[in-house]
Amino acid sequence: MSEDKTQENENSPYDVPISGHDYDGIQELDNPLPGWWLYTFFGTMIFGFIYWVHYESGSGPSNEERLAASLALIQQQQAATAAAAPGFDEAAILAFMDSEEAMLRAAEQYNLRCAACHGLGGEGGIGSSFVDGQWTHGEDVLSILKVIQKGVLEKGMPAWEAMMGAQDMAEVAAYVKRFEK
């Protein structure tokens, strides 16, 4: 019975080992790779070569060229957005102070975005106070609007222009100006 186990089956598909590859009785067989694997391998090699030739020969855009194109597109979109946004002068912003509806909207925005740092009554805390008469970045409404738009990153105030509309920021600037005594 032990002789039957050691004898190779003549009908076995594994009866043609690679010559000389026998280690501890284990024989390595010469099985071909699957077709899908070969197609994937050679396709990847061809794609990699074409990709390398395209970018290394200079016919494809370099990283600097792609960056410049992306920055130009961003600047173009920013210019279009700025042109479409309404511009507010000091008189227009101060006119919001007389509109009860505008001040209600501004109070809602202020309570949502500003009160956590500047206090509900503008008394300060983490952020600067609006009631003490000390205006670090300018006390006119255009300076206040600029600080709301651009923020003061070194002091921890974010720029709100990406998250608030132009009218909302102008109304909040007028609302903040009302805190001044």
Protein backbone atom coordinates (compact mmCIF):
# COMPACT_ATOMS: atom_id res chain seq x y z
CA MET A 1 0.00 0.00 0.00
CA SER A 2 2.84 2.39 0.73
CA GLU A 3 4.24 1.61 -2.71
CA ASP A 4 1.00 2.84 -4.30
CA LYS A 5 1.39 6.22 -2.60
CA THR A 6 4.94 6.73 -3.81
CA GLN A 7 4.18 5.73 -7.36
CA GLU A 8 3.00 8.51 -9.62
CA ASN A 9 -0.39 8.18 -11.19
CA GLU A 10 0.06 7.79 -14.94
CA ASN A 11 -3.18 9.65 -15.66
CA SER A 12 -2.26 12.68 -13.51
CA PRO A 13 -2.10 16.08 -15.26
CA TYR A 14 0.96 16.85 -13.13
CA ASP A 15 3.21 14.23 -14.61
CA VAL A 16 5.58 16.54 -16.55
CA PRO A 17 7.79 18.30 -14.01
CA ILE A 18 10.45 20.81 -14.97
CA SER A 19 13.70 18.93 -15.33
CA GLY A 20 15.97 19.19 -12.30
CA HIS A 21 13.47 20.91 -10.01
CA ASP A 22 12.95 18.39 -7.29
CA TYR A 23 13.28 19.49 -3.67
CA ASP A 24 12.28 17.21 -0.81
CA GLY A 25 10.15 15.22 -3.19
CA ILE A 26 8.24 18.25 -4.36
CA GLN A 27 8.38 18.79 -8.08
CA GLU A 28 7.74 22.18 -9.72
CA LEU A 29 5.46 21.85 -12.70
CA ASP A 30 5.53 23.90 -15.88
CA ASN A 31 2.03 25.39 -15.81
CA PRO A 32 1.40 28.37 -18.11
CA LEU A 33 0.16 31.66 -16.63
CA PRO A 34 -3.53 32.47 -17.17
CA GLY A 35 -4.32 34.57 -20.22
CA TRP A 36 -6.00 37.37 -18.26
CA TRP A 37 -2.87 37.75 -16.16
CA LEU A 38 -0.63 37.98 -19.21
CA TYR A 39 -2.93 40.52 -20.91
CA THR A 40 -2.97 42.66 -17.76
CA PHE A 41 0.81 42.43 -17.36
CA PHE A 42 1.66 43.32 -20.95
CA GLY A 43 -1.04 46.00 -21.10
CA THR A 44 0.41 47.63 -17.99
CA MET A 45 3.91 47.50 -19.44
CA ILE A 46 2.77 49.09 -22.72
CA PHE A 47 0.77 51.79 -20.92
CA GLY A 48 3.73 52.54 -18.62
CA PHE A 49 6.10 52.89 -21.56
CA ILE A 50 3.74 55.21 -23.46
CA TYR A 51 3.14 57.25 -20.29
CA TRP A 52 6.88 57.56 -19.67
CA VAL A 53 7.61 58.60 -23.26
CA HIS A 54 4.77 61.13 -23.23
CA TYR A 55 5.88 62.94 -20.07
CA GLU A 56 9.64 62.48 -20.29
CA SER A 57 9.87 63.62 -23.91
CA GLY A 58 8.21 66.91 -23.03
CA SER A 59 5.09 66.43 -25.13
CA GLY A 60 2.93 66.23 -22.00
CA PRO A 61 2.47 69.12 -19.57
CA SER A 62 4.95 69.36 -16.72
CA ASN A 63 3.83 69.72 -13.12
CA GLU A 64 4.68 73.42 -13.23
CA GLU A 65 2.57 73.93 -16.36
CA ARG A 66 -0.38 72.07 -14.85
CA LEU A 67 -0.06 74.11 -11.64
CA ALA A 68 0.08 77.38 -13.59
CA ALA A 69 -3.03 76.38 -15.59
CA SER A 70 -4.89 75.45 -12.40
CA LEU A 71 -3.94 78.71 -10.68
CA ALA A 72 -5.01 80.71 -13.74
CA LEU A 73 -8.38 78.95 -13.68
CA ILE A 74 -8.80 79.66 -9.97
CA GLN A 75 -7.91 83.33 -10.43
CA GLN A 76 -10.34 83.58 -13.34
CA GLN A 77 -13.14 82.07 -11.22
CA GLN A 78 -12.30 84.38 -8.30
CA ALA A 79 -12.41 87.41 -10.60
CA ALA A 80 -15.77 86.32 -12.00
CA THR A 81 -17.13 85.80 -8.49
CA ALA A 82 -15.83 89.18 -7.33
CA ALA A 83 -17.36 90.89 -10.38
CA ALA A 84 -20.73 89.26 -9.70
CA ALA A 85 -20.68 90.12 -5.99
CA PRO A 86 -22.29 93.37 -5.00
CA GLY A 87 -19.88 96.05 -3.84
CA PHE A 88 -20.70 97.90 -0.66
CA ASP A 89 -19.47 101.35 0.22
CA GLU A 90 -19.57 102.85 3.69
CA ALA A 91 -22.94 104.55 3.16
CA ALA A 92 -24.57 101.32 1.97
CA ILE A 93 -23.27 99.41 4.99
CA LEU A 94 -24.36 102.14 7.41
CA ALA A 95 -27.82 102.07 5.79
CA PHE A 96 -28.17 98.49 7.05
CA MET A 97 -28.04 99.87 10.61
CA ASP A 98 -31.38 101.60 10.01
CA SER A 99 -33.06 98.47 8.63
CA GLU A 100 -34.60 96.31 11.34
CA GLU A 101 -34.84 93.33 8.97
CA ALA A 102 -31.15 93.60 8.08
CA MET A 103 -30.19 93.82 11.75
CA LEU A 104 -32.28 90.74 12.58
CA ARG A 105 -30.51 88.77 9.83
CA ALA A 106 -27.16 90.16 10.99
CA ALA A 107 -27.90 89.24 14.61
CA GLU A 108 -28.67 85.69 13.52
CA GLN A 109 -25.39 85.46 11.56
CA TYR A 110 -23.44 87.09 14.41
CA ASN A 111 -24.88 84.68 16.99
CA LEU A 112 -24.14 81.75 14.71
CA ARG A 113 -20.59 82.64 13.71
CA CYS A 114 -19.16 85.39 15.92
CA ALA A 115 -20.68 85.23 19.40
CA ALA A 116 -18.66 82.21 20.49
CA CYS A 117 -15.48 84.31 20.45
CA HIS A 118 -16.68 87.91 20.65
CA GLY A 119 -19.59 87.41 23.07
CA LEU A 120 -23.31 87.93 22.53
CA GLY A 121 -23.04 91.60 23.39
CA GLY A 122 -19.67 92.15 21.72
CA GLU A 123 -17.89 92.18 25.08
CA GLY A 124 -15.08 89.95 23.85
CA GLY A 125 -13.58 86.85 25.39
CA ILE A 126 -11.45 84.79 23.10
CA GLY A 127 -11.87 87.44 20.40
CA SER A 128 -11.52 91.18 20.81
CA SER A 129 -14.18 93.37 22.40
CA PHE A 130 -16.32 95.72 20.32
CA VAL A 131 -17.63 97.81 23.22
CA ASP A 132 -14.38 99.13 24.72
CA GLY A 133 -13.50 101.51 21.87
CA GLN A 134 -10.24 99.69 21.08
CA TRP A 135 -10.34 98.78 17.38
CA THR A 136 -7.16 96.92 16.42
CA HIS A 137 -7.80 96.76 12.67
CA GLY A 138 -9.74 99.98 12.09
CA GLU A 139 -13.03 101.25 13.44
CA ASP A 140 -14.78 102.25 10.19
CA VAL A 141 -17.26 99.78 8.72
CA LEU A 142 -15.13 99.09 5.64
CA SER A 143 -12.25 97.98 7.88
CA ILE A 144 -14.65 95.83 9.90
CA LEU A 145 -15.99 94.33 6.67
CA LYS A 146 -12.44 93.59 5.48
CA VAL A 147 -11.63 91.81 8.76
CA ILE A 148 -14.82 89.74 8.43
CA GLN A 149 -13.98 88.86 4.83
CA LYS A 150 -10.26 88.14 5.16
CA GLY A 151 -10.03 87.21 8.83
CA VAL A 152 -7.01 87.61 11.09
CA LEU A 153 -5.42 84.19 10.91
CA GLU A 154 -2.53 84.99 13.26
CA LYS A 155 -5.07 85.77 15.98
CA GLY A 156 -7.33 82.82 15.19
CA MET A 157 -10.14 84.57 13.32
CA PRO A 158 -11.11 82.73 10.13
CA ALA A 159 -11.90 84.40 6.83
CA TRP A 160 -15.66 84.26 6.35
CA GLU A 161 -15.86 85.30 2.69
CA ALA A 162 -16.00 81.69 1.49
CA MET A 163 -18.79 80.81 3.94
CA MET A 164 -20.96 83.93 3.97
CA GLY A 165 -22.52 85.98 1.23
CA ALA A 166 -21.41 89.56 0.56
CA GLN A 167 -24.63 91.04 1.91
CA ASP A 168 -24.48 88.90 5.05
CA MET A 169 -20.94 90.11 5.74
CA ALA A 170 -21.92 93.75 5.16
CA GLU A 171 -24.91 93.38 7.49
CA VAL A 172 -22.72 91.78 10.18
CA ALA A 173 -20.22 94.65 9.80
CA ALA A 174 -23.06 97.12 10.43
CA TYR A 175 -24.25 95.02 13.37
CA VAL A 176 -20.76 95.00 14.91
CA LYS A 177 -20.51 98.77 14.43
CA ARG A 178 -23.70 99.14 16.52
CA PHE A 179 -21.81 97.75 19.55
CA GLU A 180 -19.52 100.76 19.58
CA LYS A 181 -20.30 103.22 22.36
